[in-house]
Amino acid sequence: MKKRFFTMLSLGIKQFRDPYYQGFAGQLSFYYMLSLVPVIILISQVLGGIFGSSLDMAVDWLLQYTKGVVAEELGNLLSYKFATGNNILLLIIALWASSRAQFAMMRITNFTFTEGRSTGRGYWWERFRAVITMFLTLLAIIFSLLVLVYGEQILGLILGGLGAEKGAAEIWLKLRWPVAALLYFLMISYNYYTLPTQKIRFREVIPGSIFASLGLLIVTLIFATYVGKIAAYDILYGSLASIVALLFWFYFLAWVLCLGVLFNKVWRDTGENGKNNEDNFV
């Protein structure tokens, strides 16, 4: 395992030297910023129009793990009340706009798994796939939110059939965050599995999904602490401080997602069935 680790590190550094990676995080953070509002529009309309729920739970969770100007900006965006539920054209445009970040992730994923030989099957085909993938991702996000919001009631119904309904609240209190972490991990795994044009086995994306899941949480906690206690973006950027803080946050998250893809690649290449055997990298 130790030899495999150093082999993975060697392969990862070798591939990461390609100039294509250097501007990726900045590109993806920009598209995350552009996609944020369309994603919120779509989620809020589905939750409010179909399920009669709201984004309050998501707001509380985000504000718990982000502080300072990041929390302020996210709070403003998520608390905004959209009144365009019946505008189908706007929702289609929002879906197209929100898929831009998925498209960028598709290109870097294909570039990584083909070692720079391809970024996909062509612009329009990959753009269409990005829209479909984004739509399914939104459904996964909405499903996750509904599970977290109504999890206690669902658990109560299940336990009610077993005659133990009174313990639902206590059990859900213990299960809520493990369930949230599992849903979070599955969402990242789904994206890593569907983004490459080249089909890979689901088990091959699990290592990178674990790496990315932990990495995103660690980066968020560290950056939130830094922004809340050390950074003073408002002194330098004034009214743009919240936007700059969000861009920096997205920038670091983009690097983690990219490294997660690269982790999957080198993990597969150094496995027993990988095209690069460990004995070839001594």
Protein backbone atom coordinates (compact mmCIF):
# COMPACT_ATOMS: atom_id res chain seq x y z
CA MET A 1 0.00 0.00 0.00
CA LYS A 2 2.87 2.37 0.79
CA LYS A 3 4.41 1.72 -2.63
CA ARG A 4 1.05 2.27 -4.28
CA PHE A 5 0.62 5.58 -2.46
CA PHE A 6 3.94 6.92 -3.75
CA THR A 7 3.11 5.62 -7.22
CA MET A 8 -0.22 7.46 -7.13
CA LEU A 9 1.52 10.61 -5.94
CA SER A 10 4.07 10.37 -8.74
CA LEU A 11 1.42 9.82 -11.40
CA GLY A 12 -0.76 12.60 -10.03
CA ILE A 13 2.05 15.16 -9.98
CA LYS A 14 3.13 14.15 -13.47
CA GLN A 15 -0.34 14.63 -14.93
CA PHE A 16 -1.07 17.72 -12.86
CA ARG A 17 1.83 19.56 -14.49
CA ASP A 18 -0.25 19.95 -17.65
CA PRO A 19 -1.09 23.67 -18.13
CA TYR A 20 -4.76 22.78 -18.72
CA TYR A 21 -5.23 22.31 -14.97
CA GLN A 22 -3.79 25.65 -13.97
CA GLY A 23 -6.75 27.80 -14.97
CA PHE A 24 -9.41 25.23 -14.17
CA ALA A 25 -10.18 26.28 -10.59
CA GLY A 26 -10.64 29.92 -11.55
CA GLN A 27 -12.87 28.94 -14.47
CA LEU A 28 -15.00 26.63 -12.36
CA SER A 29 -15.35 29.11 -9.48
CA PHE A 30 -16.60 31.71 -11.96
CA TYR A 31 -19.20 29.28 -13.31
CA TYR A 32 -20.20 28.28 -9.78
CA MET A 33 -20.92 31.94 -9.10
CA LEU A 34 -22.99 32.24 -12.29
CA SER A 35 -24.82 28.98 -11.53
CA LEU A 36 -25.66 29.78 -7.93
CA VAL A 37 -28.76 31.89 -8.47
CA PRO A 38 -30.25 29.66 -11.24
CA VAL A 39 -29.79 26.63 -8.99
CA ILE A 40 -31.53 28.40 -6.12
CA ILE A 41 -34.38 29.42 -8.43
CA LEU A 42 -34.89 25.83 -9.58
CA ILE A 43 -34.69 24.30 -6.11
CA SER A 44 -36.95 26.91 -4.52
CA GLN A 45 -39.58 26.54 -7.23
CA VAL A 46 -39.66 22.75 -6.97
CA LEU A 47 -39.67 22.74 -3.16
CA GLY A 48 -42.21 25.53 -2.89
CA GLY A 49 -44.42 24.76 -5.87
CA ILE A 50 -44.55 20.97 -5.68
CA PHE A 51 -43.72 20.00 -2.12
CA GLY A 52 -44.83 23.13 -0.28
CA SER A 53 -41.50 23.25 1.55
CA SER A 54 -38.80 25.93 1.70
CA LEU A 55 -35.07 26.50 1.73
CA ASP A 56 -34.98 27.44 5.42
CA MET A 57 -33.29 24.18 6.41
CA ALA A 58 -30.62 24.62 3.73
CA VAL A 59 -30.05 28.21 4.85
CA ASP A 60 -29.60 27.14 8.48
CA TRP A 61 -27.14 24.41 7.50
CA LEU A 62 -25.05 26.70 5.28
CA LEU A 63 -24.96 29.51 7.80
CA GLN A 64 -23.83 27.07 10.46
CA TYR A 65 -20.69 26.17 8.49
CA THR A 66 -19.97 29.52 6.82
CA LYS A 67 -19.31 32.73 8.67
CA GLY A 68 -18.67 36.38 8.03
CA VAL A 69 -19.20 37.82 4.58
CA VAL A 70 -19.66 34.36 3.03
CA ALA A 71 -22.60 33.62 5.32
CA GLU A 72 -24.02 37.10 4.75
CA GLU A 73 -24.00 36.72 0.97
CA LEU A 74 -25.39 33.18 1.01
CA GLY A 75 -28.07 34.23 3.45
CA ASN A 76 -29.15 37.08 1.19
CA LEU A 77 -29.30 34.83 -1.86
CA LEU A 78 -31.12 31.95 -0.21
CA SER A 79 -33.62 34.13 1.63
CA TYR A 80 -34.69 35.92 -1.54
CA LYS A 81 -38.26 35.04 -2.54
CA PHE A 82 -38.59 34.19 -6.22
CA ALA A 83 -41.99 34.78 -7.79
CA THR A 84 -41.51 33.09 -11.15
CA GLY A 85 -42.92 29.64 -10.49
CA ASN A 86 -45.09 29.59 -13.61
CA ASN A 87 -42.46 30.92 -15.99
CA ILE A 88 -41.40 27.70 -17.70
CA LEU A 89 -39.09 29.53 -20.10
CA LEU A 90 -37.20 31.11 -17.21
CA LEU A 91 -36.82 27.72 -15.52
CA ILE A 92 -35.42 26.22 -18.73
CA ILE A 93 -32.97 29.12 -19.05
CA ALA A 94 -32.04 28.69 -15.38
CA LEU A 95 -31.37 24.97 -15.95
CA TRP A 96 -29.20 25.77 -18.97
CA ALA A 97 -27.27 28.42 -17.01
CA SER A 98 -26.82 26.25 -13.94
CA SER A 99 -25.42 23.40 -16.06
CA ARG A 100 -22.41 25.50 -17.08
CA ALA A 101 -20.47 24.41 -14.00
CA GLN A 102 -21.31 20.77 -14.76
CA PHE A 103 -20.01 21.28 -18.28
CA ALA A 104 -16.69 22.59 -16.97
CA MET A 105 -16.40 19.61 -14.62
CA MET A 106 -17.15 17.25 -17.52
CA ARG A 107 -14.31 18.71 -19.57
CA ILE A 108 -11.72 18.43 -16.81
CA THR A 109 -12.93 14.92 -15.95
CA ASN A 110 -12.63 13.73 -19.55
CA PHE A 111 -9.27 15.46 -19.88
CA THR A 112 -8.02 13.69 -16.76
CA PHE A 113 -9.23 10.19 -17.64
CA THR A 114 -7.90 10.40 -21.21
CA GLU A 115 -4.60 11.96 -20.07
CA GLY A 116 -5.20 15.07 -22.14
CA ARG A 117 -6.30 13.38 -25.36
CA SER A 118 -9.94 14.51 -25.21
CA THR A 119 -12.34 16.77 -23.32
CA GLY A 120 -15.45 14.97 -24.60
CA ARG A 121 -17.36 14.03 -27.74
CA GLY A 122 -17.95 17.60 -28.86
CA TYR A 123 -19.34 20.83 -27.46
CA TRP A 124 -23.06 20.32 -28.11
CA TRP A 125 -23.13 16.68 -27.06
CA GLU A 126 -21.32 17.39 -23.79
CA ARG A 127 -23.42 20.52 -23.24
CA PHE A 128 -26.59 18.44 -23.57
CA ARG A 129 -25.17 15.85 -21.18
CA ALA A 130 -24.36 18.64 -18.73
CA VAL A 131 -27.98 19.81 -18.74
CA ILE A 132 -29.25 16.27 -18.12
CA THR A 133 -26.67 15.66 -15.39
CA MET A 134 -27.50 18.99 -13.74
CA PHE A 135 -31.21 18.16 -13.81
CA LEU A 136 -30.60 14.80 -12.13
CA THR A 137 -28.25 16.45 -9.63
CA LEU A 138 -30.96 18.96 -8.74
CA LEU A 139 -33.41 16.11 -8.17
CA ALA A 140 -30.83 14.47 -5.90
CA ILE A 141 -30.37 17.74 -3.97
CA ILE A 142 -34.12 18.17 -3.59
CA PHE A 143 -34.51 14.55 -2.48
CA SER A 144 -31.74 15.05 0.09
CA LEU A 145 -33.37 18.22 1.42
CA LEU A 146 -36.73 16.49 1.72
CA VAL A 147 -35.18 13.55 3.56
CA LEU A 148 -33.51 15.90 6.02
CA VAL A 149 -36.61 18.05 6.48
CA TYR A 150 -39.13 15.22 6.81
CA GLY A 151 -36.79 12.51 8.07
CA GLU A 152 -38.27 12.48 11.56
CA GLN A 153 -41.81 12.06 10.23
CA ILE A 154 -40.71 9.30 7.85
CA LEU A 155 -38.86 7.53 10.65
CA GLY A 156 -41.90 7.98 12.87
CA LEU A 157 -44.11 6.24 10.32
CA ILE A 158 -41.65 3.36 10.03
CA LEU A 159 -41.28 2.97 13.78
CA GLY A 160 -45.02 3.42 14.23
CA GLY A 161 -45.57 0.19 12.39
CA LEU A 162 -43.19 -1.46 14.85
CA GLY A 163 -44.86 0.07 17.89
CA ALA A 164 -41.96 2.35 18.80
CA GLU A 165 -43.06 5.71 17.41
CA LYS A 166 -42.18 7.61 20.61
CA GLY A 167 -38.48 7.07 20.07
CA ALA A 168 -38.43 8.58 16.56
CA ALA A 169 -37.28 12.06 17.65
CA GLU A 170 -34.33 10.76 19.69
CA ILE A 171 -33.24 8.32 16.99
CA TRP A 172 -33.49 10.93 14.22
CA LEU A 173 -31.46 13.38 16.30
CA LYS A 174 -28.61 10.86 16.23
CA LEU A 175 -29.11 9.80 12.62
CA ARG A 176 -29.62 13.21 11.00
CA TRP A 177 -26.00 14.15 10.39
CA PRO A 178 -24.82 10.65 9.41
CA VAL A 179 -27.69 10.53 6.91
CA ALA A 180 -26.76 14.00 5.63
CA ALA A 181 -23.12 12.91 5.25
CA LEU A 182 -24.19 9.77 3.37
CA LEU A 183 -26.42 11.74 0.99
CA TYR A 184 -23.61 14.25 0.48
CA PHE A 185 -21.16 11.46 -0.36
CA LEU A 186 -23.61 9.76 -2.74
CA MET A 187 -24.22 13.05 -4.57
CA ILE A 188 -20.50 13.55 -5.17
CA SER A 189 -20.13 9.89 -6.19
CA TYR A 190 -22.99 10.22 -8.66
CA ASN A 191 -21.34 13.19 -10.34
CA TYR A 192 -17.93 11.51 -10.50
CA TYR A 193 -19.61 8.45 -12.00
CA THR A 194 -21.68 10.22 -14.66
CA LEU A 195 -19.38 13.07 -15.70
CA PRO A 196 -16.79 11.05 -17.68
CA THR A 197 -17.77 10.23 -21.26
CA GLN A 198 -15.79 7.02 -20.82
CA LYS A 199 -17.85 4.68 -18.65
CA ILE A 200 -16.21 3.55 -15.43
CA ARG A 201 -17.35 1.28 -12.64
CA PHE A 202 -19.02 2.90 -9.66
CA ARG A 203 -16.57 1.38 -7.21
CA GLU A 204 -13.76 3.17 -9.03
CA VAL A 205 -15.11 6.59 -8.03
CA ILE A 206 -15.51 5.78 -4.33
CA PRO A 207 -11.90 6.65 -3.32
CA GLY A 208 -12.05 10.06 -4.99
CA SER A 209 -15.54 10.67 -3.60
CA ILE A 210 -14.31 10.04 -0.06
CA PHE A 211 -11.31 12.30 -0.71
CA ALA A 212 -13.52 15.08 -2.15
CA SER A 213 -16.21 14.78 0.54
CA LEU A 214 -13.72 15.16 3.36
CA GLY A 215 -11.77 17.79 1.45
CA LEU A 216 -14.83 19.98 0.79
CA LEU A 217 -15.84 19.87 4.44
CA ILE A 218 -12.32 20.62 5.69
CA VAL A 219 -11.81 23.47 3.21
CA THR A 220 -15.19 24.97 4.14
CA LEU A 221 -14.49 24.83 7.87
CA ILE A 222 -10.98 26.27 7.52
CA PHE A 223 -12.06 29.00 5.12
CA ALA A 224 -15.06 29.94 7.28
CA THR A 225 -12.76 30.26 10.30
CA TYR A 226 -10.26 32.30 8.28
CA VAL A 227 -12.93 34.67 6.94
CA GLY A 228 -14.63 35.02 10.31
CA LYS A 229 -11.54 35.67 12.43
CA ILE A 230 -8.62 36.73 10.21
CA ALA A 231 -9.57 37.99 6.77
CA ALA A 232 -10.86 41.53 6.26
CA TYR A 233 -12.06 41.55 2.67
CA ASP A 234 -14.30 44.56 3.33
CA ILE A 235 -11.28 46.78 3.97
CA LEU A 236 -9.78 46.06 0.57
CA TYR A 237 -12.82 45.32 -1.59
CA GLY A 238 -15.54 47.36 0.12
CA SER A 239 -19.03 46.48 -1.10
CA LEU A 240 -17.61 43.66 -3.25
CA ALA A 241 -16.23 41.84 -0.21
CA SER A 242 -19.00 39.23 -0.06
CA ILE A 243 -18.63 38.38 -3.76
CA VAL A 244 -14.85 38.12 -3.48
CA ALA A 245 -15.15 35.85 -0.43
CA LEU A 246 -17.57 33.58 -2.26
CA LEU A 247 -15.27 33.40 -5.28
CA PHE A 248 -12.32 32.42 -3.10
CA TRP A 249 -14.44 29.77 -1.40
CA PHE A 250 -15.58 28.37 -4.76
CA TYR A 251 -11.97 28.50 -5.97
CA PHE A 252 -10.74 26.23 -3.19
CA LEU A 253 -13.73 23.90 -3.56
CA ALA A 254 -12.99 23.62 -7.30
CA TRP A 255 -9.44 22.50 -6.57
CA VAL A 256 -10.72 19.81 -4.20
CA LEU A 257 -13.17 18.51 -6.81
CA CYS A 258 -10.42 18.46 -9.44
CA LEU A 259 -8.06 16.59 -7.11
CA GLY A 260 -10.86 14.11 -6.38
CA VAL A 261 -11.12 13.32 -10.10
CA LEU A 262 -7.35 12.97 -10.32
CA PHE A 263 -7.37 10.73 -7.25
CA ASN A 264 -9.85 8.40 -8.96
CA LYS A 265 -7.67 8.32 -12.06
CA VAL A 266 -4.41 7.40 -10.33
CA TRP A 267 -6.23 4.98 -8.01
CA ARG A 268 -7.59 3.12 -11.02
CA ASP A 269 -4.29 3.21 -12.90
CA THR A 270 -2.38 1.71 -9.98
CA GLY A 271 -4.96 -1.00 -9.32
CA GLU A 272 -4.67 -4.60 -10.40
CA ASN A 273 -6.63 -3.97 -13.58
CA GLY A 274 -5.16 -0.54 -14.29
CA LYS A 275 -3.21 0.06 -17.45
CA ASN A 276 -0.32 1.34 -15.36
CA ASN A 277 0.98 -1.35 -13.04
CA GLU A 278 2.82 -0.40 -9.87
CA ASP A 279 5.86 -2.38 -11.04
CA ASN A 280 6.24 0.07 -13.90
CA PHE A 281 6.70 3.01 -11.53
CA VAL A 282 9.51 2.08 -9.22
